[in-house]
Protein backbone atom coordinates (compact mmCIF):
# COMPACT_ATOMS: atom_id res chain seq x y z
CA SER A 1 -15.66 -14.91 -9.35
CA PHE A 2 -12.92 -17.35 -8.22
CA GLY A 3 -11.79 -15.50 -5.40
CA GLN A 4 -15.54 -15.23 -4.05
CA ALA A 5 -15.98 -18.81 -4.43
CA VAL A 6 -13.12 -19.64 -2.42
CA LEU A 7 -14.15 -17.15 0.30
CA SER A 8 -17.50 -18.51 0.32
CA HIS A 9 -16.11 -22.00 0.77
CA TRP A 10 -13.91 -20.56 3.66
CA ASP A 11 -17.02 -18.88 5.37
CA ALA A 12 -18.82 -22.33 5.07
CA GLU A 13 -15.94 -24.31 6.57
CA TYR A 14 -14.63 -21.68 9.18
CA PRO A 15 -17.50 -19.44 9.90
CA ASP A 16 -15.87 -17.91 13.07
CA ARG A 17 -12.31 -17.58 11.86
CA ARG A 18 -10.74 -14.47 10.26
CA LEU A 19 -8.68 -14.70 7.20
CA ARG A 20 -5.36 -12.68 6.95
CA ALA A 21 -3.39 -12.16 3.48
CA VAL A 22 -0.30 -10.31 3.10
CA VAL A 23 0.22 -8.38 -0.23
CA GLN A 24 3.14 -6.26 -1.43
CA ALA A 25 2.37 -2.61 -0.71
CA TRP A 26 3.08 -1.59 -4.51
CA ASN A 27 0.67 -4.04 -5.93
CA SER A 28 -2.41 -1.79 -6.08
CA ARG A 29 -4.28 -4.32 -8.52
CA SER A 30 -4.10 -7.23 -5.85
CA LEU A 31 -4.89 -4.62 -3.07
CA GLN A 32 -8.02 -3.55 -4.99
CA LEU A 33 -9.07 -6.97 -5.59
CA THR A 34 -8.71 -8.07 -1.95
CA ARG A 35 -10.73 -4.92 -0.78
CA ARG A 36 -13.64 -5.73 -3.46
CA LEU A 37 -13.61 -9.17 -1.62
CA GLY A 38 -14.08 -7.76 1.76
CA PHE A 39 -10.54 -7.50 3.05
CA GLU A 40 -9.74 -4.50 5.11
CA ASP A 41 -6.39 -2.97 6.09
CA ALA A 42 -4.83 -4.00 9.24
CA ASP A 43 -1.30 -3.05 9.22
CA GLU A 44 1.85 -2.53 7.24
CA LEU A 45 5.16 -4.52 7.56
CA THR A 46 8.48 -3.57 6.36
CA VAL A 47 11.15 -6.18 5.90
CA ILE A 48 14.82 -6.29 4.43
CA GLN A 49 14.86 -8.28 1.31
CA GLY A 50 18.26 -8.66 -0.54
CA ASP A 51 19.58 -5.65 1.47
CA ARG A 52 16.58 -3.46 0.49
CA PRO A 53 13.46 -2.56 2.46
CA ALA A 54 9.96 -4.15 1.04
CA ALA A 55 6.74 -2.99 2.22
CA TYR A 56 3.74 -5.22 2.70
CA ARG A 57 0.14 -4.60 3.63
CA ILE A 58 -1.60 -7.02 5.94
CA ILE A 59 -5.14 -7.41 5.28
CA ILE A 60 -7.91 -9.26 6.97
CA LYS A 61 -11.34 -10.39 6.51
CA CYS A 62 -13.43 -10.93 9.53
CA PRO A 63 -15.98 -13.59 9.84
CA ARG A 64 -19.51 -12.67 8.90
CA ARG A 65 -22.01 -11.45 11.36
CA GLU A 66 -25.72 -12.27 11.26
CA GLY A 67 -27.49 -10.14 8.90
CA ASP A 68 -24.36 -9.33 6.67
């Protein structure tokens, strides 16, 4: 419910802006939560952290359209 409250505020303040989040690819719990909140997969990014590759999922939530 906290996440939904934050997103409701975002939608009220910035109705025409999309929201982007970055979540580590292994974090299925966080990815599941963001998908339930209406985010969709956009891309994957792999970076080197401490000499090891780390994969991230880039997810976005697009503005609501009329009728949504």
